[in-house]
Protein backbone atom coordinates (compact mmCIF):
# COMPACT_ATOMS: atom_id res chain seq x y z
CA MET A 1 109.95 102.11 110.53
CA VAL A 2 106.41 100.75 110.11
CA PHE A 3 103.38 102.77 108.98
CA HIS A 4 99.86 101.42 108.76
CA SER A 5 97.39 102.37 106.07
CA LYS A 6 94.89 105.14 106.61
CA VAL A 7 91.30 103.94 106.14
CA ASP A 8 88.90 106.64 104.95
CA LYS A 9 85.08 106.70 105.00
CA PHE A 10 84.71 105.90 101.28
CA TYR A 11 86.90 102.81 101.62
CA ARG A 12 84.94 101.65 104.68
CA ILE A 13 81.66 102.00 102.79
CA VAL A 14 82.96 100.06 99.76
CA LEU A 15 84.42 97.36 102.02
CA GLY A 16 81.20 97.14 104.03
CA LEU A 17 79.06 96.82 100.90
CA THR A 18 81.39 94.14 99.53
CA VAL A 19 81.21 92.12 102.75
CA LEU A 20 77.42 92.55 102.96
CA THR A 21 76.90 91.48 99.33
CA LEU A 22 79.13 88.45 99.71
CA ALA A 23 77.43 87.45 102.96
CA LEU A 24 73.97 87.75 101.40
CA CYS A 25 75.02 85.69 98.36
CA PHE A 26 76.04 82.83 100.63
CA LEU A 27 73.60 83.13 103.54
CA LEU A 28 70.36 83.56 101.58
CA PRO A 29 70.63 80.13 99.90
CA ILE A 30 71.41 78.57 103.28
CA ALA A 31 68.38 80.25 104.88
CA LEU A 32 65.88 79.85 102.03
CA ASP A 33 66.70 76.53 100.36
CA ASP A 34 64.92 73.73 102.23
CA ALA A 35 66.55 71.09 100.02
CA LEU A 36 70.02 72.16 101.14
CA GLY A 37 71.51 69.60 103.50
CA LYS A 38 73.60 70.29 106.58
CA ILE A 39 76.84 69.32 104.80
CA GLU A 40 76.12 71.65 101.86
CA ALA A 41 75.20 74.48 104.24
CA LEU A 42 78.41 73.91 106.21
CA ILE A 43 80.45 73.97 102.99
CA LEU A 44 78.79 77.23 101.85
CA PHE A 45 79.30 78.80 105.27
CA SER A 46 82.96 77.70 105.31
CA ILE A 47 83.56 79.22 101.87
CA LEU A 48 81.92 82.44 103.06
CA LEU A 49 84.04 82.56 106.20
CA VAL A 50 87.31 81.94 104.33
CA SER A 51 86.35 84.54 101.68
CA LEU A 52 85.49 87.18 104.28
CA LEU A 53 88.67 86.55 106.26
CA PHE A 54 90.75 86.82 103.07
CA ILE A 55 89.06 90.09 102.03
CA LEU A 56 89.44 91.63 105.49
CA TRP A 57 93.08 90.47 105.78
CA THR A 58 93.90 91.97 102.40
CA ALA A 59 91.95 95.19 102.97
CA LEU A 60 92.75 95.95 106.60
CA GLY A 61 96.17 94.35 107.03
CA ILE A 62 97.96 96.96 104.92
CA ARG A 63 101.32 98.22 106.15
CA TYR A 64 104.34 100.01 104.77
CA GLU A 65 107.85 99.47 106.11
CA LEU A 66 110.81 101.74 105.49
CA ARG A 67 113.60 99.20 105.75
CA GLU A 68 117.33 99.81 105.55
CA ASP A 69 117.56 99.64 101.76
CA GLU A 70 113.99 99.20 100.52
CA LEU A 71 110.35 100.14 100.87
CA TYR A 72 108.34 97.04 101.79
CA VAL A 73 104.62 97.24 101.09
CA ARG A 74 102.20 94.53 102.23
CA GLY A 75 98.44 94.12 101.99
CA GLY A 76 97.48 90.61 103.08
CA PRO A 77 99.15 88.15 100.68
CA ILE A 78 100.15 90.93 98.26
CA TYR A 79 103.55 92.45 98.85
CA SER A 80 106.25 94.39 97.09
CA HIS A 81 109.93 95.12 97.75
CA ILE A 82 111.00 98.42 96.19
CA PRO A 83 114.70 99.33 96.54
CA TYR A 84 115.18 103.03 97.30
CA THR A 85 117.62 103.26 94.40
CA SER A 86 114.86 102.26 91.94
CA ILE A 87 112.41 104.96 93.07
CA LYS A 88 112.20 107.71 90.45
CA HIS A 89 109.49 109.99 91.81
CA VAL A 90 107.35 110.42 94.95
CA GLU A 91 104.37 112.78 95.13
CA PRO A 92 101.13 113.30 97.06
CA PHE A 93 98.09 111.73 95.41
CA ASP A 94 94.41 112.62 95.83
CA GLY A 95 91.69 110.60 94.15
CA LEU A 96 90.91 107.17 92.80
CA THR A 97 93.22 105.36 90.43
CA GLY A 98 93.75 102.14 88.60
CA GLY A 99 96.98 100.21 88.60
CA PHE A 100 98.92 98.75 91.51
CA VAL A 101 97.23 100.21 94.57
CA ILE A 102 97.88 99.01 98.10
CA ALA A 103 95.97 101.76 99.81
CA SER A 104 92.75 102.18 101.77
CA ALA A 105 92.19 105.92 101.39
CA ARG A 106 91.77 108.30 98.47
CA LYS A 107 94.55 110.58 99.72
CA GLY A 108 97.91 108.92 99.50
CA ILE A 109 101.33 108.87 97.90
CA ALA A 110 102.11 107.95 94.29
CA ILE A 111 105.49 106.29 93.82
CA THR A 112 107.07 105.76 90.41
CA TYR A 113 109.88 103.20 90.31
CA GLN A 114 111.90 101.16 87.81
CA LYS A 115 110.99 97.56 88.61
CA GLY A 116 107.77 95.54 88.73
CA PHE A 117 104.60 97.50 87.97
CA GLY A 118 106.52 100.79 87.93
CA TYR A 119 103.76 102.72 89.69
CA LEU A 120 102.28 102.30 93.15
CA VAL A 121 99.78 104.25 95.26
CA ILE A 122 99.90 103.87 99.04
CA SER A 123 98.08 105.63 101.91
CA PRO A 124 100.10 105.76 105.14
CA THR A 125 98.37 107.28 108.18
CA GLU A 126 100.98 110.01 108.50
CA ARG A 127 101.46 110.97 104.85
CA GLU A 128 103.81 113.94 105.33
CA VAL A 129 106.02 112.15 107.89
CA PHE A 130 106.21 109.08 105.65
CA MET A 131 107.11 111.14 102.56
CA ALA A 132 109.82 113.07 104.41
CA GLU A 133 111.38 109.88 105.78
CA LEU A 134 111.15 108.15 102.40
CA GLU A 135 112.84 111.10 100.67
CA LYS A 136 115.69 111.00 103.23
CA ARG A 137 116.22 107.30 102.61
CA ILE A 138 116.15 107.73 98.83
CA ILE A 139 118.78 110.49 99.02
CA LYS A 140 120.93 108.38 101.36
CA ALA A 141 120.66 105.31 99.07
CA ARG A 142 121.74 107.33 96.03
CA ALA A 143 124.74 108.86 97.82
């Protein structure tokens, strides 16, 4: 069962400002520096393009999979396999947090587990449906 990440307004604003700042940092030197050659400009533009694609892939490519025996969380190149048997606690979460967060909204689910970082915040689009299904799978895995 695959769930995508909810993207709230705050996250969109932060992402937009990040992309805008990065673009300005690379494009202004290209536009304003007369001494910059075509090769240097192409290199700067290529670095900008790769950076933007990486940020957007990481930020907008977030998904959560409830697999047969584990929760699989992926945000771009960052991923985590969390066996249901290692999950200690699942609860709704509202707000901003530090730690291992693969979420794109302030309202999400906090998961405490035994391996890796031990704490994860995610933000599936259908929070209640996801939590109910996750709880079922945790109970089944422990039986």
